Amino acid sequence: MTNLQPIEDHILVKPIEQETKTASGIVLPDTSKEKPSRGEIIAVGQWKILENGNRGPIDVKPGQIIHFTKYAPDEIEITEWTQKVKFLVIKHSSILAVEK
């Protein structure tokens, strides 16, 4: 999908945007949208730094849906096939949960 490969304990995520309509059918304006805090993992770095300073494996993999802290990600915008695509780069420690 993309040529980007995160380094160290960084994770490349495609954000999953919030619904723009409530269950009752009310359309939400763009100003009420919050930053995404959920996304699909596209690529992961090779290792994370453990508390003792050693390197350890990253326990998430591409394809998983994760929840992360709202203000943790850095945005990257790249052009693929003449279309701009937005990705987020987060650190492993910013992941709050993995959906099963």
N, C-alpha and C. Protein backbone atom coordinates (compact mmCIF):
# COMPACT_ATOMS: atom_id res chain seq x y z
N MET A 1 0.82 -1.19 0.00
CA MET A 1 0.00 0.00 0.00
C MET A 1 0.86 1.26 0.00
N THR A 2 1.89 1.29 0.83
CA THR A 2 2.76 2.45 0.88
C THR A 2 4.21 2.00 1.03
N ASN A 3 5.11 2.87 0.65
CA ASN A 3 6.54 2.56 0.75
C ASN A 3 7.12 3.01 2.08
N LEU A 4 6.33 3.55 2.97
CA LEU A 4 6.84 4.04 4.25
C LEU A 4 7.09 2.89 5.21
N GLN A 5 8.26 2.90 5.85
CA GLN A 5 8.60 1.90 6.86
C GLN A 5 8.99 2.64 8.13
N PRO A 6 8.19 2.53 9.19
CA PRO A 6 8.55 3.21 10.44
C PRO A 6 9.82 2.62 11.04
N ILE A 7 10.52 3.42 11.82
CA ILE A 7 11.75 2.96 12.47
C ILE A 7 11.51 2.83 13.97
N GLU A 8 12.39 2.09 14.63
CA GLU A 8 12.36 1.86 16.07
C GLU A 8 10.98 1.40 16.52
N ASP A 9 10.36 2.13 17.48
CA ASP A 9 9.07 1.71 18.03
C ASP A 9 7.90 2.51 17.47
N HIS A 10 8.08 3.06 16.28
CA HIS A 10 7.01 3.83 15.66
C HIS A 10 6.09 2.91 14.85
N ILE A 11 4.84 3.33 14.74
CA ILE A 11 3.83 2.54 14.04
C ILE A 11 3.10 3.45 13.07
N LEU A 12 2.95 3.00 11.83
CA LEU A 12 2.24 3.74 10.79
C LEU A 12 0.78 3.28 10.81
N VAL A 13 -0.13 4.25 10.95
CA VAL A 13 -1.55 3.95 11.12
C VAL A 13 -2.38 4.73 10.11
N LYS A 14 -3.35 4.07 9.52
CA LYS A 14 -4.34 4.76 8.68
C LYS A 14 -5.51 5.09 9.60
N PRO A 15 -5.81 6.38 9.81
CA PRO A 15 -6.86 6.74 10.76
C PRO A 15 -8.25 6.28 10.30
N ILE A 16 -9.06 5.91 11.26
CA ILE A 16 -10.46 5.59 11.01
C ILE A 16 -11.25 6.78 11.54
N GLU A 17 -11.87 7.50 10.63
CA GLU A 17 -12.59 8.72 11.00
C GLU A 17 -13.87 8.39 11.75
N GLN A 18 -14.28 9.33 12.59
CA GLN A 18 -15.53 9.21 13.32
C GLN A 18 -16.70 9.27 12.36
N GLU A 19 -17.80 8.69 12.79
CA GLU A 19 -19.03 8.80 12.01
C GLU A 19 -19.46 10.26 11.96
N THR A 20 -19.97 10.70 10.81
CA THR A 20 -20.43 12.08 10.69
C THR A 20 -21.93 12.19 10.94
N LYS A 21 -22.55 11.04 11.25
CA LYS A 21 -23.98 11.05 11.52
C LYS A 21 -24.23 10.20 12.76
N THR A 22 -25.10 10.68 13.65
CA THR A 22 -25.42 9.93 14.85
C THR A 22 -26.37 8.79 14.51
N ALA A 23 -26.59 7.90 15.48
CA ALA A 23 -27.49 6.77 15.27
C ALA A 23 -28.92 7.22 14.96
N SER A 24 -29.30 8.38 15.47
CA SER A 24 -30.65 8.89 15.22
C SER A 24 -30.75 9.67 13.92
N GLY A 25 -29.64 9.80 13.18
CA GLY A 25 -29.67 10.43 11.86
C GLY A 25 -29.26 11.89 11.84
N ILE A 26 -28.79 12.43 12.95
CA ILE A 26 -28.35 13.83 12.98
C ILE A 26 -26.96 13.92 12.37
N VAL A 27 -26.79 14.81 11.39
CA VAL A 27 -25.50 15.00 10.74
C VAL A 27 -24.67 15.96 11.58
N LEU A 28 -23.45 15.54 11.92
CA LEU A 28 -22.57 16.36 12.74
C LEU A 28 -21.73 17.28 11.85
N PRO A 29 -21.58 18.56 12.24
CA PRO A 29 -20.74 19.47 11.45
C PRO A 29 -19.26 19.13 11.63
N ASP A 30 -18.44 19.57 10.68
CA ASP A 30 -17.00 19.30 10.73
C ASP A 30 -16.35 19.87 11.98
N THR A 31 -16.89 20.96 12.51
CA THR A 31 -16.29 21.58 13.69
C THR A 31 -16.45 20.74 14.95
N SER A 32 -17.40 19.81 14.96
CA SER A 32 -17.60 18.97 16.15
C SER A 32 -16.75 17.71 16.12
N LYS A 33 -16.06 17.47 15.02
CA LYS A 33 -15.23 16.27 14.91
C LYS A 33 -14.00 16.39 15.81
N GLU A 34 -13.67 15.27 16.43
CA GLU A 34 -12.46 15.22 17.23
C GLU A 34 -11.35 14.57 16.41
N LYS A 35 -10.13 14.71 16.89
CA LYS A 35 -9.01 14.04 16.22
C LYS A 35 -9.24 12.54 16.29
N PRO A 36 -8.82 11.81 15.26
CA PRO A 36 -9.01 10.35 15.32
C PRO A 36 -8.20 9.74 16.46
N SER A 37 -8.77 8.73 17.09
CA SER A 37 -8.06 8.02 18.15
C SER A 37 -8.15 6.52 17.91
N ARG A 38 -8.47 6.16 16.67
CA ARG A 38 -8.61 4.76 16.28
C ARG A 38 -8.09 4.63 14.86
N GLY A 39 -7.43 3.51 14.57
CA GLY A 39 -6.92 3.34 13.22
C GLY A 39 -6.45 1.92 12.95
N GLU A 40 -6.13 1.68 11.68
CA GLU A 40 -5.63 0.37 11.26
C GLU A 40 -4.13 0.47 11.07
N ILE A 41 -3.42 -0.50 11.63
CA ILE A 41 -1.96 -0.52 11.52
C ILE A 41 -1.58 -0.91 10.09
N ILE A 42 -0.74 -0.09 9.47
CA ILE A 42 -0.24 -0.35 8.11
C ILE A 42 1.15 -0.97 8.16
N ALA A 43 2.01 -0.45 9.03
CA ALA A 43 3.38 -0.97 9.16
C ALA A 43 3.90 -0.68 10.57
N VAL A 44 4.82 -1.50 11.04
CA VAL A 44 5.41 -1.31 12.37
C VAL A 44 6.93 -1.28 12.27
N GLY A 45 7.55 -0.62 13.24
CA GLY A 45 9.01 -0.60 13.32
C GLY A 45 9.52 -1.97 13.75
N GLN A 46 10.84 -2.08 13.87
CA GLN A 46 11.44 -3.39 14.15
C GLN A 46 11.46 -3.76 15.63
N TRP A 47 11.53 -2.77 16.53
CA TRP A 47 11.67 -3.08 17.94
C TRP A 47 11.24 -1.92 18.81
N LYS A 48 11.04 -2.20 20.09
CA LYS A 48 10.76 -1.15 21.07
C LYS A 48 11.80 -1.24 22.18
N ILE A 49 12.00 -0.13 22.86
CA ILE A 49 12.95 -0.11 23.97
C ILE A 49 12.21 -0.49 25.25
N LEU A 50 12.72 -1.50 25.94
CA LEU A 50 12.12 -1.97 27.18
C LEU A 50 12.58 -1.11 28.34
N GLU A 51 11.95 -1.28 29.50
CA GLU A 51 12.29 -0.48 30.68
C GLU A 51 13.74 -0.66 31.11
N ASN A 52 14.31 -1.83 30.86
CA ASN A 52 15.70 -2.08 31.25
C ASN A 52 16.70 -1.57 30.21
N GLY A 53 16.19 -0.95 29.14
CA GLY A 53 17.07 -0.40 28.12
C GLY A 53 17.33 -1.33 26.94
N ASN A 54 16.96 -2.58 27.06
CA ASN A 54 17.13 -3.53 25.96
C ASN A 54 16.06 -3.33 24.90
N ARG A 55 16.28 -3.95 23.75
CA ARG A 55 15.29 -3.89 22.68
C ARG A 55 14.42 -5.14 22.75
N GLY A 56 13.12 -4.95 22.46
CA GLY A 56 12.19 -6.08 22.46
C GLY A 56 11.29 -6.00 21.25
N PRO A 57 10.61 -7.10 20.94
CA PRO A 57 9.72 -7.11 19.77
C PRO A 57 8.47 -6.27 20.00
N ILE A 58 7.91 -5.78 18.92
CA ILE A 58 6.65 -5.03 18.99
C ILE A 58 5.53 -6.05 18.91
N ASP A 59 4.55 -5.92 19.80
CA ASP A 59 3.51 -6.93 19.92
C ASP A 59 2.23 -6.62 19.13
N VAL A 60 2.29 -5.73 18.16
CA VAL A 60 1.16 -5.48 17.27
C VAL A 60 1.63 -5.72 15.84
N LYS A 61 0.68 -5.93 14.94
CA LYS A 61 1.06 -6.24 13.56
C LYS A 61 0.13 -5.54 12.58
N PRO A 62 0.55 -5.39 11.34
CA PRO A 62 -0.29 -4.76 10.33
C PRO A 62 -1.64 -5.45 10.20
N GLY A 63 -2.67 -4.64 10.00
CA GLY A 63 -4.03 -5.15 9.85
C GLY A 63 -4.86 -5.03 11.12
N GLN A 64 -4.20 -4.90 12.27
CA GLN A 64 -4.94 -4.78 13.52
C GLN A 64 -5.53 -3.37 13.66
N ILE A 65 -6.68 -3.29 14.33
CA ILE A 65 -7.31 -2.01 14.64
C ILE A 65 -6.92 -1.65 16.07
N ILE A 66 -6.40 -0.44 16.25
CA ILE A 66 -5.94 -0.01 17.58
C ILE A 66 -6.63 1.27 18.00
N HIS A 67 -6.63 1.51 19.31
CA HIS A 67 -7.06 2.76 19.90
C HIS A 67 -5.82 3.39 20.52
N PHE A 68 -5.66 4.69 20.33
CA PHE A 68 -4.45 5.36 20.82
C PHE A 68 -4.83 6.73 21.39
N THR A 69 -3.89 7.33 22.10
CA THR A 69 -4.15 8.64 22.69
C THR A 69 -4.36 9.67 21.58
N LYS A 70 -5.29 10.58 21.78
CA LYS A 70 -5.70 11.52 20.72
C LYS A 70 -4.61 12.46 20.27
N TYR A 71 -3.77 12.90 21.19
CA TYR A 71 -2.79 13.93 20.83
C TYR A 71 -1.40 13.37 20.62
N ALA A 72 -1.28 12.04 20.51
CA ALA A 72 0.02 11.40 20.31
C ALA A 72 0.51 11.40 18.87
N PRO A 73 -0.38 11.24 17.88
CA PRO A 73 0.13 11.01 16.52
C PRO A 73 0.69 12.24 15.83
N ASP A 74 1.65 11.96 14.96
CA ASP A 74 2.15 12.95 14.01
C ASP A 74 1.54 12.59 12.67
N GLU A 75 1.11 13.59 11.91
CA GLU A 75 0.47 13.33 10.62
C GLU A 75 1.49 13.37 9.49
N ILE A 76 1.32 12.45 8.55
CA ILE A 76 2.12 12.42 7.33
C ILE A 76 1.14 12.35 6.18
N GLU A 77 1.35 13.19 5.19
CA GLU A 77 0.50 13.16 4.00
C GLU A 77 1.37 12.85 2.80
N ILE A 78 1.03 11.79 2.08
CA ILE A 78 1.80 11.42 0.90
C ILE A 78 0.86 11.34 -0.30
N THR A 79 1.44 11.39 -1.48
CA THR A 79 0.65 11.28 -2.70
C THR A 79 0.86 9.91 -3.30
N GLU A 80 -0.24 9.18 -3.44
CA GLU A 80 -0.21 7.87 -4.08
C GLU A 80 -1.19 7.89 -5.24
N TRP A 81 -0.69 7.61 -6.44
CA TRP A 81 -1.54 7.58 -7.62
C TRP A 81 -2.34 8.87 -7.76
N THR A 82 -1.67 10.01 -7.64
CA THR A 82 -2.23 11.35 -7.77
C THR A 82 -3.30 11.65 -6.72
N GLN A 83 -3.33 10.92 -5.65
CA GLN A 83 -4.29 11.14 -4.59
C GLN A 83 -3.54 11.30 -3.27
N LYS A 84 -3.90 12.34 -2.50
CA LYS A 84 -3.25 12.54 -1.21
C LYS A 84 -3.87 11.62 -0.17
N VAL A 85 -2.99 10.94 0.58
CA VAL A 85 -3.43 10.01 1.61
C VAL A 85 -2.80 10.43 2.93
N LYS A 86 -3.62 10.45 4.00
CA LYS A 86 -3.13 10.86 5.32
C LYS A 86 -2.87 9.63 6.17
N PHE A 87 -1.68 9.58 6.78
CA PHE A 87 -1.32 8.53 7.71
C PHE A 87 -0.92 9.19 9.03
N LEU A 88 -0.95 8.41 10.09
CA LEU A 88 -0.50 8.86 11.40
C LEU A 88 0.69 8.00 11.81
N VAL A 89 1.64 8.61 12.49
CA VAL A 89 2.78 7.87 13.04
C VAL A 89 2.71 8.04 14.55
N ILE A 90 2.64 6.92 15.26
CA ILE A 90 2.57 6.97 16.72
C ILE A 90 3.65 6.08 17.31
N LYS A 91 3.98 6.33 18.56
CA LYS A 91 4.92 5.46 19.27
C LYS A 91 4.14 4.30 19.87
N HIS A 92 4.80 3.19 20.04
CA HIS A 92 4.17 1.99 20.60
C HIS A 92 3.52 2.29 21.95
N SER A 93 4.15 3.12 22.76
CA SER A 93 3.64 3.41 24.10
C SER A 93 2.33 4.22 24.08
N SER A 94 1.95 4.77 22.94
CA SER A 94 0.71 5.55 22.84
C SER A 94 -0.52 4.68 22.53
N ILE A 95 -0.30 3.38 22.30
CA ILE A 95 -1.41 2.48 22.04
C ILE A 95 -2.12 2.17 23.35
N LEU A 96 -3.43 2.36 23.36
CA LEU A 96 -4.22 2.07 24.55
C LEU A 96 -4.85 0.69 24.52
N ALA A 97 -5.30 0.25 23.33
CA ALA A 97 -5.97 -1.05 23.21
C ALA A 97 -5.91 -1.54 21.77
N VAL A 98 -6.05 -2.86 21.62
CA VAL A 98 -6.12 -3.50 20.31
C VAL A 98 -7.47 -4.19 20.23
N GLU A 99 -8.20 -3.98 19.12
CA GLU A 99 -9.49 -4.64 18.95
C GLU A 99 -9.26 -6.08 18.56
N LYS A 100 -10.11 -6.97 19.07
CA LYS A 100 -10.02 -8.40 18.74
C LYS A 100 -11.08 -8.77 17.74
